[in-house]
């Protein structure tokens, strides 16, 4: 039987070359792990930005379409980024783009509807042929029967243009004013 002292003397350590090989292998494994984690983070950021842009556009468009369909009359000369009309309840409603924020104004109260708006374009028609996608545009409030809403939204936070998080959503809807 060997004593503890004899066992301690027989133990050998690692050589410098063995330690360097182990450190190199662990370094490569760590670099790969960090790379995978960064790709996952970029993908998550891109996906969440896309969802935010689409959700902003959808929420704003649905509210505008619902109110426009019940509009009694257009009350102001139509413009490309500003629309004023009287809804079915007799309330005057205005949608107006101010910077990157789409505002809903009713009863003198301005409520920000969504932020991150890059483009808000309105086209007003007195007649429209859906089969040819052509129509007669008008600038007279009383002759508007259809409105094309085009909305391009992005994220509300500032994102570099080259970033994967710089996502846009474009929605468009042609709304027939039922009560006019």
N, C-alpha and C. Protein backbone atom coordinates (compact mmCIF):
# COMPACT_ATOMS: atom_id res chain seq x y z
N UNK A 1 0.82 -1.18 0.00
CA UNK A 1 0.00 0.00 0.00
C UNK A 1 0.86 1.24 0.00
N UNK A 2 0.39 2.20 -0.79
CA UNK A 2 1.14 3.43 -0.89
C UNK A 2 0.60 4.43 0.12
N UNK A 3 1.48 5.19 0.65
CA UNK A 3 1.07 6.21 1.60
C UNK A 3 0.62 7.46 0.84
N UNK A 4 0.02 8.35 1.57
CA UNK A 4 -0.46 9.61 0.98
C UNK A 4 0.68 10.41 0.40
N UNK A 5 1.81 10.40 1.05
CA UNK A 5 2.95 11.15 0.57
C UNK A 5 3.43 10.61 -0.76
N UNK A 6 3.41 9.31 -0.93
CA UNK A 6 3.83 8.72 -2.19
C UNK A 6 2.83 9.05 -3.31
N UNK A 7 1.56 9.05 -3.00
CA UNK A 7 0.54 9.40 -4.00
C UNK A 7 0.68 10.86 -4.43
N UNK A 8 0.98 11.75 -3.49
CA UNK A 8 1.12 13.15 -3.81
C UNK A 8 2.33 13.39 -4.70
N UNK A 9 3.37 12.63 -4.52
CA UNK A 9 4.57 12.82 -5.34
C UNK A 9 4.36 12.30 -6.76
N UNK A 10 3.49 11.30 -6.95
CA UNK A 10 3.27 10.72 -8.26
C UNK A 10 2.33 11.56 -9.13
N UNK A 11 1.56 12.47 -8.53
CA UNK A 11 0.62 13.30 -9.31
C UNK A 11 1.41 14.29 -10.14
N UNK A 12 1.00 14.36 -11.40
CA UNK A 12 1.65 15.30 -12.30
C UNK A 12 0.62 16.33 -12.75
N UNK A 13 1.02 17.54 -13.08
CA UNK A 13 0.13 18.59 -13.56
C UNK A 13 0.05 18.57 -15.07
N UNK A 14 -0.60 19.57 -15.61
CA UNK A 14 -0.72 19.71 -17.06
C UNK A 14 0.48 20.47 -17.59
N UNK A 15 0.84 20.18 -18.80
CA UNK A 15 1.93 20.93 -19.42
C UNK A 15 1.38 22.23 -19.97
N UNK A 16 2.25 23.15 -20.27
CA UNK A 16 1.85 24.45 -20.82
C UNK A 16 1.14 24.27 -22.15
N UNK A 17 1.59 23.37 -22.97
CA UNK A 17 0.98 23.12 -24.28
C UNK A 17 -0.46 22.62 -24.12
N UNK A 18 -0.68 21.72 -23.16
CA UNK A 18 -2.03 21.22 -22.92
C UNK A 18 -2.96 22.34 -22.46
N UNK A 19 -2.49 23.19 -21.59
CA UNK A 19 -3.30 24.32 -21.12
C UNK A 19 -3.64 25.27 -22.26
N UNK A 20 -2.69 25.55 -23.13
CA UNK A 20 -2.93 26.46 -24.27
C UNK A 20 -3.95 25.86 -25.23
N UNK A 21 -3.90 24.57 -25.48
CA UNK A 21 -4.88 23.92 -26.36
C UNK A 21 -6.27 24.01 -25.75
N UNK A 22 -6.40 23.74 -24.47
CA UNK A 22 -7.70 23.82 -23.79
C UNK A 22 -8.24 25.25 -23.84
N UNK A 23 -7.40 26.24 -23.60
CA UNK A 23 -7.83 27.65 -23.63
C UNK A 23 -8.29 28.02 -25.04
N UNK A 24 -7.57 27.57 -26.06
CA UNK A 24 -7.95 27.88 -27.45
C UNK A 24 -9.30 27.25 -27.80
N UNK A 25 -9.50 26.02 -27.40
CA UNK A 25 -10.78 25.35 -27.69
C UNK A 25 -11.93 26.04 -26.96
N UNK A 26 -11.74 26.36 -25.70
CA UNK A 26 -12.79 27.07 -24.95
C UNK A 26 -13.07 28.45 -25.55
N UNK A 27 -12.02 29.13 -26.02
CA UNK A 27 -12.20 30.43 -26.66
C UNK A 27 -13.04 30.33 -27.92
N UNK A 28 -12.79 29.33 -28.75
CA UNK A 28 -13.58 29.13 -29.97
C UNK A 28 -15.03 28.80 -29.63
N UNK A 29 -15.23 27.97 -28.64
CA UNK A 29 -16.59 27.63 -28.24
C UNK A 29 -17.34 28.86 -27.72
N UNK A 30 -16.68 29.68 -26.94
CA UNK A 30 -17.29 30.89 -26.41
C UNK A 30 -17.61 31.88 -27.53
N UNK A 31 -16.71 32.03 -28.50
CA UNK A 31 -16.95 32.94 -29.63
C UNK A 31 -18.17 32.48 -30.42
N UNK A 32 -18.29 31.18 -30.64
CA UNK A 32 -19.46 30.65 -31.35
C UNK A 32 -20.74 30.89 -30.59
N UNK A 33 -20.70 30.70 -29.30
CA UNK A 33 -21.87 30.91 -28.45
C UNK A 33 -22.31 32.37 -28.46
N UNK A 34 -21.36 33.28 -28.37
CA UNK A 34 -21.68 34.71 -28.41
C UNK A 34 -22.26 35.09 -29.76
N UNK A 35 -21.72 34.53 -30.84
CA UNK A 35 -22.22 34.81 -32.18
C UNK A 35 -23.68 34.36 -32.33
N UNK A 36 -23.99 33.19 -31.86
CA UNK A 36 -25.37 32.67 -31.93
C UNK A 36 -26.30 33.54 -31.09
N UNK A 37 -25.85 33.94 -29.92
CA UNK A 37 -26.68 34.78 -29.05
C UNK A 37 -26.94 36.13 -29.70
N UNK A 38 -25.95 36.73 -30.34
CA UNK A 38 -26.13 38.04 -30.99
C UNK A 38 -27.08 37.94 -32.18
N UNK A 39 -27.00 36.85 -32.95
CA UNK A 39 -27.93 36.65 -34.05
C UNK A 39 -29.36 36.51 -33.53
N UNK A 40 -29.54 35.79 -32.47
CA UNK A 40 -30.86 35.65 -31.86
C UNK A 40 -31.42 36.98 -31.38
N UNK A 41 -30.57 37.78 -30.80
CA UNK A 41 -31.00 39.10 -30.32
C UNK A 41 -31.39 39.99 -31.48
N UNK A 42 -30.61 39.98 -32.57
CA UNK A 42 -30.93 40.79 -33.75
C UNK A 42 -32.25 40.34 -34.37
N UNK A 43 -32.47 39.03 -34.44
CA UNK A 43 -33.70 38.51 -35.00
C UNK A 43 -34.90 38.90 -34.15
N UNK A 44 -34.75 38.83 -32.85
CA UNK A 44 -35.84 39.25 -31.95
C UNK A 44 -36.14 40.73 -32.13
N UNK A 45 -35.12 41.56 -32.20
CA UNK A 45 -35.31 43.00 -32.36
C UNK A 45 -36.01 43.32 -33.68
N UNK A 46 -35.61 42.64 -34.74
CA UNK A 46 -36.24 42.86 -36.04
C UNK A 46 -37.71 42.44 -35.99
N UNK A 47 -37.98 41.28 -35.42
CA UNK A 47 -39.36 40.79 -35.33
C UNK A 47 -40.24 41.68 -34.48
N UNK A 48 -39.74 42.12 -33.35
CA UNK A 48 -40.56 42.98 -32.49
C UNK A 48 -40.80 44.33 -33.14
N UNK A 49 -39.84 44.84 -33.88
CA UNK A 49 -40.02 46.11 -34.59
C UNK A 49 -41.05 45.96 -35.70
N UNK A 50 -41.02 44.84 -36.39
CA UNK A 50 -42.00 44.60 -37.46
C UNK A 50 -43.41 44.51 -36.87
N UNK A 51 -43.55 43.80 -35.77
CA UNK A 51 -44.86 43.68 -35.12
C UNK A 51 -45.36 45.05 -34.67
N UNK A 52 -44.48 45.85 -34.08
CA UNK A 52 -44.87 47.18 -33.62
C UNK A 52 -45.35 48.04 -34.78
N UNK A 53 -44.61 48.04 -35.89
CA UNK A 53 -44.99 48.84 -37.05
C UNK A 53 -46.33 48.39 -37.62
N UNK A 54 -46.53 47.08 -37.75
CA UNK A 54 -47.78 46.56 -38.29
C UNK A 54 -48.96 46.83 -37.36
N UNK A 55 -48.74 46.68 -36.08
CA UNK A 55 -49.82 46.91 -35.12
C UNK A 55 -50.23 48.38 -35.11
N UNK A 56 -49.24 49.28 -35.14
CA UNK A 56 -49.56 50.71 -35.19
C UNK A 56 -50.40 51.03 -36.41
N UNK A 57 -49.99 50.54 -37.57
CA UNK A 57 -50.72 50.83 -38.80
C UNK A 57 -52.13 50.26 -38.75
N UNK A 58 -52.26 49.04 -38.30
CA UNK A 58 -53.56 48.38 -38.27
C UNK A 58 -54.53 49.08 -37.33
N UNK A 59 -54.07 49.45 -36.15
CA UNK A 59 -54.94 50.12 -35.17
C UNK A 59 -55.45 51.44 -35.72
N UNK A 60 -54.55 52.23 -36.26
CA UNK A 60 -54.94 53.54 -36.78
C UNK A 60 -55.90 53.40 -37.96
N UNK A 61 -55.57 52.51 -38.88
CA UNK A 61 -56.41 52.34 -40.07
C UNK A 61 -57.80 51.84 -39.71
N UNK A 62 -57.91 50.89 -38.81
CA UNK A 62 -59.22 50.36 -38.44
C UNK A 62 -60.11 51.44 -37.83
N UNK A 63 -59.55 52.28 -36.97
CA UNK A 63 -60.35 53.35 -36.37
C UNK A 63 -60.79 54.36 -37.42
N UNK A 64 -59.87 54.77 -38.29
CA UNK A 64 -60.22 55.74 -39.33
C UNK A 64 -61.28 55.19 -40.28
N UNK A 65 -61.13 53.95 -40.70
CA UNK A 65 -62.08 53.35 -41.64
C UNK A 65 -63.47 53.25 -41.01
N UNK A 66 -63.54 52.81 -39.77
CA UNK A 66 -64.84 52.68 -39.09
C UNK A 66 -65.54 54.04 -38.99
N UNK A 67 -64.80 55.07 -38.62
CA UNK A 67 -65.41 56.40 -38.49
C UNK A 67 -65.74 57.01 -39.85
N UNK A 68 -64.89 56.77 -40.84
CA UNK A 68 -65.15 57.32 -42.17
C UNK A 68 -66.38 56.71 -42.82
N UNK A 69 -66.58 55.42 -42.62
CA UNK A 69 -67.74 54.77 -43.25
C UNK A 69 -69.05 55.37 -42.77
N UNK A 70 -69.07 55.88 -41.56
CA UNK A 70 -70.30 56.48 -41.04
C UNK A 70 -70.32 57.99 -41.19
N UNK A 71 -69.39 58.55 -41.94
CA UNK A 71 -69.31 60.00 -42.09
C UNK A 71 -70.55 60.55 -42.78
N UNK A 72 -71.03 61.68 -42.27
CA UNK A 72 -72.18 62.36 -42.87
C UNK A 72 -71.72 63.32 -43.97
N UNK A 73 -70.57 63.97 -43.71
CA UNK A 73 -70.05 64.92 -44.70
C UNK A 73 -68.60 65.24 -44.41
N UNK A 74 -67.89 65.64 -45.47
CA UNK A 74 -66.55 66.19 -45.32
C UNK A 74 -66.74 67.68 -45.08
N UNK A 75 -66.06 68.23 -44.08
CA UNK A 75 -66.32 69.62 -43.72
C UNK A 75 -65.22 70.58 -44.11
N UNK A 76 -64.09 70.09 -44.52
CA UNK A 76 -62.99 70.98 -44.89
C UNK A 76 -62.48 70.57 -46.25
N UNK A 77 -61.81 71.49 -46.90
CA UNK A 77 -61.20 71.17 -48.19
C UNK A 77 -60.18 70.06 -47.95
N UNK A 78 -60.33 68.96 -48.64
CA UNK A 78 -59.44 67.82 -48.39
C UNK A 78 -57.98 68.15 -48.70
N UNK A 79 -57.09 67.63 -47.86
CA UNK A 79 -55.66 67.76 -48.14
C UNK A 79 -55.04 66.37 -48.03
N UNK A 80 -53.79 66.26 -48.43
CA UNK A 80 -53.13 64.96 -48.48
C UNK A 80 -52.79 64.39 -47.12
N UNK A 81 -52.69 65.23 -46.08
CA UNK A 81 -52.30 64.74 -44.75
C UNK A 81 -53.26 65.19 -43.65
N UNK A 82 -54.41 65.70 -44.02
CA UNK A 82 -55.35 66.23 -43.04
C UNK A 82 -56.76 65.96 -43.55
N UNK A 83 -57.62 65.41 -42.69
CA UNK A 83 -58.97 65.09 -43.09
C UNK A 83 -59.92 65.48 -41.96
N UNK A 84 -60.99 66.22 -42.31
CA UNK A 84 -61.99 66.63 -41.33
C UNK A 84 -63.36 66.23 -41.86
N UNK A 85 -64.16 65.59 -41.00
CA UNK A 85 -65.49 65.15 -41.41
C UNK A 85 -66.40 65.11 -40.20
N UNK A 86 -67.71 65.03 -40.47
CA UNK A 86 -68.72 64.89 -39.42
C UNK A 86 -69.16 63.43 -39.44
N UNK A 87 -69.08 62.77 -38.27
CA UNK A 87 -69.44 61.34 -38.23
C UNK A 87 -70.94 61.17 -38.01
N UNK A 88 -71.37 59.91 -37.87
CA UNK A 88 -72.78 59.59 -37.73
C UNK A 88 -73.45 60.18 -36.51
N UNK A 89 -72.69 60.49 -35.47
CA UNK A 89 -73.26 61.07 -34.25
C UNK A 89 -73.29 62.59 -34.29
N UNK A 90 -72.76 63.18 -35.37
CA UNK A 90 -72.73 64.63 -35.48
C UNK A 90 -71.46 65.27 -34.95
N UNK A 91 -70.52 64.47 -34.49
CA UNK A 91 -69.25 65.00 -33.97
C UNK A 91 -68.29 65.27 -35.12
N UNK A 92 -67.58 66.39 -35.03
CA UNK A 92 -66.56 66.71 -36.03
C UNK A 92 -65.25 66.03 -35.63
N UNK A 93 -64.71 65.25 -36.54
CA UNK A 93 -63.48 64.50 -36.29
C UNK A 93 -62.44 64.92 -37.32
N UNK A 94 -61.23 65.10 -36.84
CA UNK A 94 -60.14 65.47 -37.73
C UNK A 94 -58.96 64.54 -37.48
N UNK A 95 -58.36 64.04 -38.56
CA UNK A 95 -57.12 63.29 -38.49
C UNK A 95 -56.05 64.15 -39.14
N UNK A 96 -54.95 64.31 -38.42
CA UNK A 96 -53.91 65.22 -38.89
C UNK A 96 -52.54 64.65 -38.54
N UNK A 97 -51.65 64.69 -39.53
CA UNK A 97 -50.28 64.25 -39.31
C UNK A 97 -49.46 65.43 -38.82
N UNK A 98 -48.82 65.26 -37.68
CA UNK A 98 -47.97 66.30 -37.11
C UNK A 98 -46.61 65.68 -36.81
N UNK A 99 -45.64 65.93 -37.67
CA UNK A 99 -44.33 65.29 -37.53
C UNK A 99 -44.47 63.81 -37.82
N UNK A 100 -44.17 62.96 -36.86
CA UNK A 100 -44.30 61.51 -37.02
C UNK A 100 -45.47 60.97 -36.20
N UNK A 101 -46.37 61.87 -35.74
CA UNK A 101 -47.50 61.46 -34.91
C UNK A 101 -48.80 61.75 -35.64
N UNK A 102 -49.66 60.74 -35.73
CA UNK A 102 -50.98 60.91 -36.30
C UNK A 102 -51.94 61.24 -35.16
N UNK A 103 -52.55 62.41 -35.24
CA UNK A 103 -53.44 62.89 -34.19
C UNK A 103 -54.90 62.76 -34.61
N UNK A 104 -55.75 62.49 -33.63
CA UNK A 104 -57.20 62.50 -33.81
C UNK A 104 -57.72 63.66 -32.98
N UNK A 105 -58.41 64.58 -33.63
CA UNK A 105 -58.91 65.78 -32.96
C UNK A 105 -60.43 65.75 -33.01
N UNK A 106 -61.04 65.80 -31.85
CA UNK A 106 -62.49 65.87 -31.77
C UNK A 106 -62.87 66.69 -30.54
N UNK A 107 -63.83 67.59 -30.72
CA UNK A 107 -64.27 68.45 -29.63
C UNK A 107 -63.16 69.35 -29.11
N UNK A 108 -62.21 69.71 -29.93
CA UNK A 108 -61.10 70.56 -29.52
C UNK A 108 -60.01 69.85 -28.75
N UNK A 109 -60.15 68.54 -28.56
CA UNK A 109 -59.17 67.76 -27.83
C UNK A 109 -58.32 66.95 -28.81
N UNK A 110 -57.02 67.16 -28.74
CA UNK A 110 -56.10 66.44 -29.61
C UNK A 110 -55.58 65.21 -28.88
N UNK A 111 -55.76 64.06 -29.50
CA UNK A 111 -55.30 62.79 -28.94
C UNK A 111 -54.33 62.15 -29.91
N UNK A 112 -53.09 61.91 -29.49
CA UNK A 112 -52.17 61.19 -30.38
C UNK A 112 -52.68 59.77 -30.61
N UNK A 113 -52.87 59.42 -31.86
CA UNK A 113 -53.38 58.09 -32.19
C UNK A 113 -52.23 57.08 -32.26
N UNK A 114 -51.22 57.37 -33.08
CA UNK A 114 -50.03 56.52 -33.16
C UNK A 114 -48.83 57.38 -33.48
N UNK A 115 -47.67 56.88 -33.11
CA UNK A 115 -46.41 57.53 -33.46
C UNK A 115 -45.68 56.68 -34.47
N UNK A 116 -44.56 57.16 -34.93
CA UNK A 116 -43.75 56.42 -35.89
C UNK A 116 -44.29 56.45 -37.31
N UNK A 117 -45.18 57.41 -37.60
CA UNK A 117 -45.75 57.51 -38.94
C UNK A 117 -44.71 58.12 -39.87
N UNK A 118 -44.43 57.41 -40.96
CA UNK A 118 -43.49 57.93 -41.95
C UNK A 118 -44.21 58.60 -43.10
N UNK A 119 -45.37 58.06 -43.48
CA UNK A 119 -46.16 58.65 -44.56
C UNK A 119 -47.64 58.47 -44.23
N UNK A 120 -48.40 59.53 -44.43
CA UNK A 120 -49.86 59.49 -44.31
C UNK A 120 -50.40 60.22 -45.53
N UNK A 121 -50.97 59.47 -46.47
CA UNK A 121 -51.44 60.08 -47.71
C UNK A 121 -52.92 59.77 -47.90
N UNK A 122 -53.66 60.81 -48.23
CA UNK A 122 -55.09 60.70 -48.46
C UNK A 122 -55.39 61.12 -49.90
N UNK A 123 -56.20 60.32 -50.58
CA UNK A 123 -56.64 60.67 -51.93
C UNK A 123 -58.16 60.62 -51.91
N UNK A 124 -58.79 61.66 -52.43
CA UNK A 124 -60.24 61.80 -52.39
C UNK A 124 -60.80 61.61 -53.80
N UNK A 125 -61.86 60.82 -53.89
CA UNK A 125 -62.48 60.53 -55.18
C UNK A 125 -63.95 60.90 -55.17
N UNK A 126 -64.43 61.40 -56.32
CA UNK A 126 -65.87 61.59 -56.49
C UNK A 126 -66.46 60.40 -57.21
N UNK A 127 -65.63 59.67 -57.95
CA UNK A 127 -66.03 58.43 -58.62
C UNK A 127 -64.81 57.54 -58.70
N UNK A 128 -65.05 56.23 -58.70
CA UNK A 128 -63.93 55.29 -58.72
C UNK A 128 -64.36 54.02 -59.43
N UNK A 129 -63.53 53.53 -60.34
CA UNK A 129 -63.79 52.28 -61.05
C UNK A 129 -62.84 51.23 -60.50
N UNK A 130 -63.35 50.33 -59.70
CA UNK A 130 -62.52 49.32 -59.06
C UNK A 130 -61.90 48.32 -60.04
N UNK A 131 -62.56 48.08 -61.17
CA UNK A 131 -62.03 47.11 -62.12
C UNK A 131 -60.76 47.61 -62.81
N UNK A 132 -60.66 48.92 -63.00
CA UNK A 132 -59.47 49.47 -63.66
C UNK A 132 -58.55 50.20 -62.68
N UNK A 133 -58.98 50.26 -61.42
CA UNK A 133 -58.20 50.97 -60.39
C UNK A 133 -57.94 52.43 -60.75
N UNK A 134 -58.91 53.05 -61.38
CA UNK A 134 -58.80 54.47 -61.72
C UNK A 134 -60.02 55.19 -61.16
N UNK A 135 -59.88 56.47 -60.98
CA UNK A 135 -60.99 57.23 -60.45
C UNK A 135 -60.84 58.70 -60.75
N UNK A 136 -61.87 59.44 -60.43
CA UNK A 136 -61.87 60.88 -60.61
C UNK A 136 -61.57 61.50 -59.25
N UNK A 137 -60.38 62.07 -59.13
CA UNK A 137 -60.03 62.70 -57.86
C UNK A 137 -60.72 64.05 -57.76
N UNK A 138 -60.92 64.48 -56.52
CA UNK A 138 -61.60 65.75 -56.29
C UNK A 138 -60.95 66.49 -55.14
N UNK A 139 -61.07 67.80 -55.17
CA UNK A 139 -60.60 68.65 -54.09
C UNK A 139 -61.75 69.39 -53.43
N UNK A 140 -62.97 69.02 -53.81
CA UNK A 140 -64.18 69.65 -53.27
C UNK A 140 -64.76 68.75 -52.19
N UNK A 141 -64.89 69.28 -51.00
CA UNK A 141 -65.33 68.48 -49.86
C UNK A 141 -66.69 67.85 -50.08
N UNK A 142 -67.62 68.56 -50.70
CA UNK A 142 -68.97 68.06 -50.87
C UNK A 142 -69.11 66.95 -51.89
N UNK A 143 -68.14 66.76 -52.75
CA UNK A 143 -68.26 65.73 -53.78
C UNK A 143 -67.47 64.46 -53.48
N UNK A 144 -66.88 64.36 -52.31
CA UNK A 144 -66.09 63.18 -51.95
C UNK A 144 -67.03 62.02 -51.63
N UNK A 145 -66.82 60.89 -52.31
CA UNK A 145 -67.60 59.68 -52.02
C UNK A 145 -66.69 58.52 -51.60
N UNK A 146 -65.41 58.60 -51.97
CA UNK A 146 -64.45 57.57 -51.61
C UNK A 146 -63.16 58.23 -51.14
N UNK A 147 -62.49 57.58 -50.19
CA UNK A 147 -61.21 58.08 -49.70
C UNK A 147 -60.23 56.91 -49.68
N UNK A 148 -59.06 57.13 -50.27
CA UNK A 148 -57.99 56.13 -50.18
C UNK A 148 -57.04 56.58 -49.08
N UNK A 149 -56.88 55.72 -48.09
CA UNK A 149 -55.96 55.97 -46.98
C UNK A 149 -54.70 55.16 -47.20
N UNK A 150 -53.56 55.79 -47.18
CA UNK A 150 -52.28 55.09 -47.28
C UNK A 150 -51.45 55.50 -46.08
N UNK A 151 -50.98 54.51 -45.35
CA UNK A 151 -50.26 54.76 -44.12
C UNK A 151 -49.00 53.90 -44.08
N UNK A 152 -47.86 54.54 -43.89
CA UNK A 152 -46.59 53.83 -43.73
C UNK A 152 -46.09 54.15 -42.33
N UNK A 153 -45.93 53.11 -41.52
CA UNK A 153 -45.48 53.31 -40.15
C UNK A 153 -44.19 52.56 -39.90
N UNK A 154 -43.47 53.02 -38.91
CA UNK A 154 -42.27 52.36 -38.43
C UNK A 154 -42.37 52.25 -36.92
N UNK A 155 -41.26 52.04 -36.28
CA UNK A 155 -41.27 51.98 -34.82
C UNK A 155 -41.30 53.39 -34.26
N UNK A 156 -41.77 53.52 -33.04
CA UNK A 156 -41.85 54.84 -32.42
C UNK A 156 -40.51 55.28 -31.86
N UNK A 157 -39.61 54.33 -31.62
CA UNK A 157 -38.29 54.71 -31.11
C UNK A 157 -37.35 54.97 -32.28
N UNK A 158 -36.33 55.73 -32.04
CA UNK A 158 -35.36 56.07 -33.07
C UNK A 158 -34.47 54.87 -33.38
N UNK A 159 -34.40 54.51 -34.66
CA UNK A 159 -33.60 53.37 -35.09
C UNK A 159 -32.77 53.81 -36.30
N UNK A 160 -31.52 53.40 -36.33
CA UNK A 160 -30.65 53.73 -37.46
C UNK A 160 -31.21 53.09 -38.74
N UNK A 161 -31.08 53.80 -39.86
CA UNK A 161 -31.65 53.32 -41.12
C UNK A 161 -31.03 52.01 -41.58
N UNK A 162 -29.80 51.74 -41.23
CA UNK A 162 -29.13 50.51 -41.66
C UNK A 162 -29.42 49.33 -40.73
N UNK A 163 -30.10 49.57 -39.63
CA UNK A 163 -30.35 48.54 -38.63
C UNK A 163 -31.45 47.58 -39.08
N UNK A 164 -31.33 46.32 -38.66
CA UNK A 164 -32.38 45.34 -38.95
C UNK A 164 -33.67 45.70 -38.22
N UNK A 165 -33.58 46.53 -37.19
CA UNK A 165 -34.77 46.93 -36.43
C UNK A 165 -35.53 48.04 -37.14
N UNK A 166 -35.01 48.57 -38.24
CA UNK A 166 -35.69 49.61 -38.99
C UNK A 166 -36.72 48.95 -39.91
N UNK A 167 -37.87 48.65 -39.37
CA UNK A 167 -38.94 47.96 -40.09
C UNK A 167 -40.06 48.94 -40.42
N UNK A 168 -40.72 48.71 -41.55
CA UNK A 168 -41.85 49.54 -41.97
C UNK A 168 -43.04 48.64 -42.26
N UNK A 169 -44.21 49.21 -42.10
CA UNK A 169 -45.44 48.52 -42.49
C UNK A 169 -46.25 49.49 -43.33
N UNK A 170 -46.72 49.03 -44.46
CA UNK A 170 -47.53 49.86 -45.35
C UNK A 170 -48.92 49.25 -45.43
N UNK A 171 -49.92 50.05 -45.14
CA UNK A 171 -51.30 49.61 -45.25
C UNK A 171 -52.06 50.62 -46.08
N UNK A 172 -53.04 50.11 -46.80
CA UNK A 172 -53.84 50.97 -47.67
C UNK A 172 -55.26 50.46 -47.67
N UNK A 173 -56.20 51.38 -47.71
CA UNK A 173 -57.61 51.00 -47.71
C UNK A 173 -58.39 52.03 -48.51
N UNK A 174 -59.32 51.54 -49.30
CA UNK A 174 -60.24 52.40 -50.03
C UNK A 174 -61.57 52.36 -49.30
N UNK A 175 -62.04 53.53 -48.83
CA UNK A 175 -63.24 53.59 -48.00
C UNK A 175 -64.35 54.32 -48.73
N UNK A 176 -65.48 53.63 -48.87
CA UNK A 176 -66.67 54.26 -49.45
C UNK A 176 -67.44 54.92 -48.31
N UNK A 177 -67.74 56.18 -48.47
CA UNK A 177 -68.51 56.91 -47.45
C UNK A 177 -69.98 56.57 -47.66
N UNK A 178 -70.55 55.79 -46.77
CA UNK A 178 -71.89 55.22 -46.94
C UNK A 178 -73.01 56.24 -46.88
N UNK A 179 -72.86 57.28 -46.09
CA UNK A 179 -73.96 58.20 -45.83
C UNK A 179 -73.90 59.46 -46.68
N UNK A 180 -73.13 59.43 -47.74
CA UNK A 180 -73.02 60.65 -48.56
C UNK A 180 -73.58 60.42 -49.94
